[in-house]
C-alpha atoms as a PDB file:
ATOM      1  CA  MET A   1     -28.599-115.613  41.869  1.00  0.00           C
ATOM      2  CA  THR A   2     -25.114-115.962  43.410  1.00  0.00           C
ATOM      3  CA  ALA A   3     -23.717-119.106  44.932  1.00  0.00           C
ATOM      4  CA  ASP A   4     -23.368-119.188  48.691  1.00  0.00           C
ATOM      5  CA  ARG A   5     -19.663-119.495  49.748  1.00  0.00           C
ATOM      6  CA  HIS A   6     -20.634-122.086  52.335  1.00  0.00           C
ATOM      7  CA  ASP A   7     -22.471-124.245  49.844  1.00  0.00           C
ATOM      8  CA  PRO A   8     -20.713-127.674  49.764  1.00  0.00           C
ATOM      9  CA  GLU A   9     -21.306-128.014  46.010  1.00  0.00           C
ATOM     10  CA  ALA A  10     -19.939-124.559  45.114  1.00  0.00           C
ATOM     11  CA  GLY A  11     -16.383-125.660  43.920  1.00  0.00           C
ATOM     12  CA  PHE A  12     -13.301-123.436  43.484  1.00  0.00           C
ATOM     13  CA  THR A  13     -13.086-120.007  41.960  1.00  0.00           C
ATOM     14  CA  LEU A  14     -10.735-119.320  39.043  1.00  0.00           C
ATOM     15  CA  VAL A  15      -8.384-117.332  41.308  1.00  0.00           C
ATOM     16  CA  GLU A  16      -8.151-120.221  43.796  1.00  0.00           C
ATOM     17  CA  LEU A  17      -7.375-122.665  40.986  1.00  0.00           C
ATOM     18  CA  LEU A  18      -4.635-120.412  39.550  1.00  0.00           C
ATOM     19  CA  VAL A  19      -3.025-119.948  42.981  1.00  0.00           C
ATOM     20  CA  GLY A  20      -3.108-123.723  43.590  1.00  0.00           C
ATOM     21  CA  ILE A  21      -1.583-124.470  40.182  1.00  0.00           C
ATOM     22  CA  ALA A  22       1.151-121.849  40.727  1.00  0.00           C
ATOM     23  CA  MET A  23       2.035-123.336  44.131  1.00  0.00           C
ATOM     24  CA  ALA A  24       2.142-126.858  42.665  1.00  0.00           C
ATOM     25  CA  LEU A  25       4.448-125.643  39.872  1.00  0.00           C
ATOM     26  CA  VAL A  26       6.840-123.993  42.354  1.00  0.00           C
ATOM     27  CA  VAL A  27       7.044-127.160  44.476  1.00  0.00           C
ATOM     28  CA  THR A  28       7.516-129.371  41.381  1.00  0.00           C
ATOM     29  CA  MET A  29      10.254-127.111  39.968  1.00  0.00           C
ATOM     30  CA  ALA A  30      12.104-127.142  43.313  1.00  0.00           C
ATOM     31  CA  ALA A  31      11.915-130.942  43.474  1.00  0.00           C
ATOM     32  CA  VAL A  32      13.145-131.316  39.881  1.00  0.00           C
ATOM     33  CA  SER A  33      16.064-128.944  40.437  1.00  0.00           C
ATOM     34  CA  MET A  34      17.097-130.807  43.618  1.00  0.00           C
ATOM     35  CA  PHE A  35      16.904-134.143  41.790  1.00  0.00           C
ATOM     36  CA  THR A  36      18.958-132.783  38.881  1.00  0.00           C
ATOM     37  CA  ALA A  37      21.624-131.383  41.218  1.00  0.00           C
ATOM     38  CA  MET A  38      21.888-134.692  43.079  1.00  0.00           C
ATOM     39  CA  THR A  39      22.105-136.627  39.810  1.00  0.00           C
ATOM     40  CA  ARG A  40      24.974-134.404  38.621  1.00  0.00           C
ATOM     41  CA  LYS A  41      26.795-134.758  41.966  1.00  0.00           C
ATOM     42  CA  GLN A  42      26.382-138.551  42.219  1.00  0.00           C
ATOM     43  CA  PRO A  43      29.448-139.530  40.096  1.00  0.00           C
ATOM     44  CA  GLU A  44      31.700-137.366  42.301  1.00  0.00           C
ATOM     45  CA  VAL A  45      30.251-138.887  45.464  1.00  0.00           C
ATOM     46  CA  THR A  46      30.632-142.408  44.072  1.00  0.00           C
ATOM     47  CA  GLN A  47      34.230-141.751  43.012  1.00  0.00           C
ATOM     48  CA  ALA A  48      35.132-140.363  46.447  1.00  0.00           C
ATOM     49  CA  ALA A  49      33.500-143.365  48.146  1.00  0.00           C
ATOM     50  CA  ASP A  50      35.419-145.749  45.870  1.00  0.00           C
ATOM     51  CA  ILE A  51      38.717-144.028  46.690  1.00  0.00           C
ATOM     52  CA  VAL A  52      38.064-144.173  50.423  1.00  0.00           C
ATOM     53  CA  GLY A  53      36.969-147.829  50.206  1.00  0.00           C
ATOM     54  CA  THR A  54      40.108-148.800  48.294  1.00  0.00           C
ATOM     55  CA  ALA A  55      42.248-146.845  50.752  1.00  0.00           C
ATOM     56  CA  ARG A  56      40.626-148.558  53.740  1.00  0.00           C
ATOM     57  CA  ASN A  57      41.351-151.962  52.214  1.00  0.00           C
ATOM     58  CA  ALA A  58      44.973-150.960  51.574  1.00  0.00           C
ATOM     59  CA  VAL A  59      45.397-149.606  55.111  1.00  0.00           C
ATOM     60  CA  GLU A  60      43.921-152.815  56.516  1.00  0.00           C
ATOM     61  CA  LYS A  61      46.389-154.927  54.509  1.00  0.00           C
ATOM     62  CA  LEU A  62      49.244-152.647  55.571  1.00  0.00           C
ATOM     63  CA  THR A  63      48.382-152.883  59.261  1.00  0.00           C
ATOM     64  CA  ILE A  64      48.039-156.693  59.023  1.00  0.00           C
ATOM     65  CA  ASP A  65      51.528-156.855  57.501  1.00  0.00           C
ATOM     66  CA  ILE A  66      52.890-154.501  60.173  1.00  0.00           C
ATOM     67  CA  ARG A  67      51.329-156.508  63.027  1.00  0.00           C
ATOM     68  CA  GLN A  68      52.918-159.695  61.699  1.00  0.00           C
ATOM     69  CA  GLY A  69      56.318-158.022  61.441  1.00  0.00           C
ATOM     70  CA  GLN A  70      59.441-158.873  63.379  1.00  0.00           C
ATOM     71  CA  SER A  71      61.142-155.661  62.366  1.00  0.00           C
ATOM     72  CA  ALA A  72      60.458-152.586  60.288  1.00  0.00           C
ATOM     73  CA  SER A  73      62.542-149.892  58.701  1.00  0.00           C
ATOM     74  CA  VAL A  74      61.463-146.659  57.087  1.00  0.00           C
ATOM     75  CA  PRO A  75      64.368-145.367  54.952  1.00  0.00           C
ATOM     76  CA  ASN A  76      62.236-142.336  54.058  1.00  0.00           C
ATOM     77  CA  ALA A  77      58.602-141.277  54.450  1.00  0.00           C
ATOM     78  CA  HIS A  78      57.627-143.064  51.207  1.00  0.00           C
ATOM     79  CA  GLU A  79      59.136-146.501  51.880  1.00  0.00           C
ATOM     80  CA  LEU A  80      58.454-149.234  54.413  1.00  0.00           C
ATOM     81  CA  ASN A  81      60.414-152.475  54.707  1.00  0.00           C
ATOM     82  CA  LEU A  82      59.077-155.282  56.894  1.00  0.00           C
ATOM     83  CA  VAL A  83      60.610-158.577  57.965  1.00  0.00           C
ATOM     84  CA  ILE A  84      57.891-161.137  58.661  1.00  0.00           C
ATOM     85  CA  PRO A  85      58.156-164.814  59.629  1.00  0.00           C
ATOM     86  CA  CYS A  86      57.603-166.752  56.386  1.00  0.00           C
ATOM     87  CA  SER A  87      55.382-169.220  58.259  1.00  0.00           C
ATOM     88  CA  VAL A  88      52.807-166.431  58.666  1.00  0.00           C
ATOM     89  CA  ILE A  89      52.621-165.885  54.910  1.00  0.00           C
ATOM     90  CA  THR A  90      53.095-169.400  53.530  1.00  0.00           C
ATOM     91  CA  ALA A  91      52.356-172.464  55.641  1.00  0.00           C
ATOM     92  CA  GLY A  92      55.356-174.693  56.185  1.00  0.00           C
ATOM     93  CA  ASP A  93      57.962-172.077  55.265  1.00  0.00           C
ATOM     94  CA  THR A  94      60.682-171.253  57.759  1.00  0.00           C
ATOM     95  CA  GLY A  95      62.903-168.251  58.101  1.00  0.00           C
ATOM     96  CA  ASN A  96      62.050-164.654  57.387  1.00  0.00           C
ATOM     97  CA  CYS A  97      60.403-163.001  54.397  1.00  0.00           C
ATOM     98  CA  GLU A  98      60.587-159.361  53.357  1.00  0.00           C
ATOM     99  CA  ILE A  99      57.663-157.211  52.287  1.00  0.00           C
ATOM    100  CA  SER A 100      58.302-153.726  50.921  1.00  0.00           C
ATOM    101  CA  TYR A 101      55.963-150.838  50.295  1.00  0.00           C
ATOM    102  CA  ARG A 102      57.110-148.068  47.929  1.00  0.00           C
ATOM    103  CA  CYS A 103      55.197-144.927  47.072  1.00  0.00           C
ATOM    104  CA  THR A 104      56.181-142.872  44.023  1.00  0.00           C
ATOM    105  CA  GLN A 105      54.701-140.036  42.026  1.00  0.00           C
ATOM    106  CA  GLU A 106      52.403-141.180  39.240  1.00  0.00           C
ATOM    107  CA  VAL A 107      53.590-140.392  35.700  1.00  0.00           C
ATOM    108  CA  GLY A 108      52.210-137.065  34.476  1.00  0.00           C
ATOM    109  CA  ARG A 109      50.245-136.411  37.686  1.00  0.00           C
ATOM    110  CA  THR A 110      50.702-134.633  40.986  1.00  0.00           C
ATOM    111  CA  THR A 111      49.480-137.670  42.941  1.00  0.00           C
ATOM    112  CA  SER A 112      51.356-140.774  44.097  1.00  0.00           C
ATOM    113  CA  SER A 113      50.717-144.507  44.079  1.00  0.00           C
ATOM    114  CA  CYS A 114      52.043-147.234  46.370  1.00  0.00           C
ATOM    115  CA  THR A 115      53.119-150.758  45.525  1.00  0.00           C
ATOM    116  CA  ARG A 116      53.556-153.834  47.725  1.00  0.00           C
ATOM    117  CA  GLN A 117      56.405-156.171  46.873  1.00  0.00           C
ATOM    118  CA  PHE A 118      56.715-159.699  48.225  1.00  0.00           C
ATOM    119  CA  GLY A 119      59.472-161.665  46.512  1.00  0.00           C
ATOM    120  CA  THR A 120      59.110-160.986  42.807  1.00  0.00           C
ATOM    121  CA  LYS A 121      55.413-160.098  43.038  1.00  0.00           C
ATOM    122  CA  ILE A 122      54.709-156.371  42.833  1.00  0.00           C
ATOM    123  CA  LYS A 123      51.139-155.138  43.187  1.00  0.00           C
ATOM    124  CA  THR A 124      49.793-151.581  43.186  1.00  0.00           C
ATOM    125  CA  VAL A 125      47.737-151.188  46.356  1.00  0.00           C
ATOM    126  CA  ILE A 126      46.915-147.447  46.449  1.00  0.00           C
ATOM    127  CA  THR A 127      46.661-144.742  43.787  1.00  0.00           C
ATOM    128  CA  GLY A 128      45.799-141.052  43.850  1.00  0.00           C
ATOM    129  CA  LEU A 129      47.623-140.062  47.068  1.00  0.00           C
ATOM    130  CA  SER A 130      48.477-136.456  47.777  1.00  0.00           C
ATOM    131  CA  THR A 131      50.379-137.364  50.952  1.00  0.00           C
ATOM    132  CA  LYS A 132      53.828-135.944  51.493  1.00  0.00           C
ATOM    133  CA  GLU A 133      54.752-138.313  54.347  1.00  0.00           C
ATOM    134  CA  ILE A 134      53.132-141.751  54.415  1.00  0.00           C
ATOM    135  CA  PHE A 135      55.121-143.926  56.834  1.00  0.00           C
ATOM    136  CA  CYS A 136      56.377-142.986  60.263  1.00  0.00           C
ATOM    137  CA  VAL A 137      58.082-145.136  62.909  1.00  0.00           C
ATOM    138  CA  PHE A 138      57.784-144.741  66.647  1.00  0.00           C
ATOM    139  CA  PRO A 139      60.433-145.968  69.063  1.00  0.00           C
ATOM    140  CA  THR A 140      57.776-147.309  71.449  1.00  0.00           C
ATOM    141  CA  SER A 141      54.352-148.845  70.983  1.00  0.00           C
ATOM    142  CA  GLU A 142      52.677-145.971  72.833  1.00  0.00           C
ATOM    143  CA  VAL A 143      50.595-143.981  70.389  1.00  0.00           C
ATOM    144  CA  GLY A 144      50.801-140.231  70.768  1.00  0.00           C
ATOM    145  CA  LYS A 145      54.571-140.056  71.021  1.00  0.00           C
ATOM    146  CA  GLU A 146      56.494-137.979  68.520  1.00  0.00           C
ATOM    147  CA  CYS A 147      57.260-139.742  65.256  1.00  0.00           C
ATOM    148  CA  GLY A 148      60.812-141.070  65.334  1.00  0.00           C
ATOM    149  CA  ALA A 149      63.429-140.217  62.791  1.00  0.00           C
ATOM    150  CA  GLN A 150      63.657-142.429  59.744  1.00  0.00           C
ATOM    151  CA  GLY A 151      65.983-145.317  60.405  1.00  0.00           C
ATOM    152  CA  THR A 152      65.056-145.521  64.108  1.00  0.00           C
ATOM    153  CA  THR A 153      66.562-148.742  65.356  1.00  0.00           C
ATOM    154  CA  ALA A 154      64.052-151.394  66.387  1.00  0.00           C
ATOM    155  CA  PRO A 155      60.852-149.342  66.093  1.00  0.00           C
ATOM    156  CA  ARG A 156      57.873-150.834  67.916  1.00  0.00           C
ATOM    157  CA  TYR A 157      55.084-148.968  66.096  1.00  0.00           C
ATOM    158  CA  VAL A 158      54.601-147.932  62.448  1.00  0.00           C
ATOM    159  CA  GLY A 159      52.147-145.170  61.564  1.00  0.00           C
ATOM    160  CA  VAL A 160      50.451-144.809  58.164  1.00  0.00           C
ATOM    161  CA  ASN A 161      49.039-141.505  56.872  1.00  0.00           C
ATOM    162  CA  LEU A 162      47.117-141.466  53.565  1.00  0.00           C
ATOM    163  CA  GLU A 163      45.729-138.259  52.080  1.00  0.00           C
ATOM    164  CA  PHE A 164      43.559-138.122  48.980  1.00  0.00           C
ATOM    165  CA  PRO A 165      42.639-134.906  47.163  1.00  0.00           C
ATOM    166  CA  ASN A 166      38.975-133.909  47.065  1.00  0.00           C
ATOM    167  CA  HIS A 167      38.003-131.196  44.657  1.00  0.00           C
ATOM    168  CA  LYS A 168      34.834-129.405  45.667  1.00  0.00           C
ATOM    169  CA  ARG A 169      34.185-127.667  42.385  1.00  0.00           C
ATOM    170  CA  ALA A 170      30.858-126.200  43.459  1.00  0.00           C
ATOM    171  CA  VAL A 171      32.439-124.066  46.155  1.00  0.00           C
ATOM    172  CA  GLY A 172      35.791-123.661  44.471  1.00  0.00           C
ATOM    173  CA  ILE A 173      37.885-124.968  47.365  1.00  0.00           C
ATOM    174  CA  SER A 174      40.062-128.019  47.481  1.00  0.00           C
ATOM    175  CA  SER A 175      40.438-130.264  50.499  1.00  0.00           C
ATOM    176  CA  THR A 176      41.707-133.714  51.355  1.00  0.00           C
ATOM    177  CA  THR A 177      40.359-136.952  52.764  1.00  0.00           C
ATOM    178  CA  VAL A 178      42.772-138.336  55.352  1.00  0.00           C
ATOM    179  CA  LEU A 179      43.073-141.906  56.613  1.00  0.00           C
ATOM    180  CA  GLU A 180      45.458-142.475  59.509  1.00  0.00           C
ATOM    181  CA  ASP A 181      46.255-145.788  61.117  1.00  0.00           C
ATOM    182  CA  GLY A 182      49.166-147.824  62.298  1.00  0.00           C
ATOM    183  CA  ALA A 183      50.111-150.924  64.224  1.00  0.00           C
ATOM    184  CA  ALA A 184      52.652-152.330  66.630  1.00  0.00           C
ATOM    185  CA  LEU A 185      55.031-155.065  65.551  1.00  0.00           C
ATOM    186  CA  HIS A 186      53.660-158.124  67.357  1.00  0.00           C
ATOM    187  CA  ASN A 187      56.458-160.514  66.339  1.00  0.00           C
ATOM    188  CA  SER A 188      59.369-158.252  67.242  1.00  0.00           C
ATOM    189  CA  PRO A 189      61.957-159.811  69.571  1.00  0.00           C
ATOM    190  CA  GLU A 190      61.148-157.219  72.249  1.00  0.00           C
ATOM    191  CA  VAL A 191      57.450-158.142  72.228  1.00  0.00           C
ATOM    192  CA  LEU A 192      58.085-161.881  72.096  1.00  0.00           C
ATOM    193  CA  ASN A 193      60.561-161.629  75.013  1.00  0.00           C
ATOM    194  CA  GLY A 194      58.210-159.405  77.004  1.00  0.00           C
ATOM    195  CA  VAL A 195      60.470-156.333  76.945  1.00  0.00           C
END
């Protein structure tokens, strides 16, 4: 006597069970391989996110300093000198204070780091840059104009360009993460006098 295929108590045949097990194994293996690949990639993703986060903080500090500036000079594309009212930095102080940013190549590496100097305090604010030109001055505060030559007298806008290397080992190509920002000098004599 053979079982009727439409009998609700008949169960699965051996072939149906083997096909079901094979399909479950294929799906499980695909899920495990995806999880393993993501786990291997996670440190790279975390490192890139940390670099970008640190760079954003540095750019924010830079633009705050620039906005507070009375004047700025960019002797070369790796240096920025700002004159800021001391009262902005330290309550009760009068006169002007200088803040300098210097970017130099890191020892034994192809990347650069930037320091911020205020008085005798020097602090590293950015590391791992691959940027060739970091600071750029503009003769007017209108963004989109051509970057002025270094040493432009009384610049009204300072641009900041930070590039960080990304190494996409899986595909074998190298690219960069770029952060660009800038700010106008809000305490410059021209701005304060409405020029």
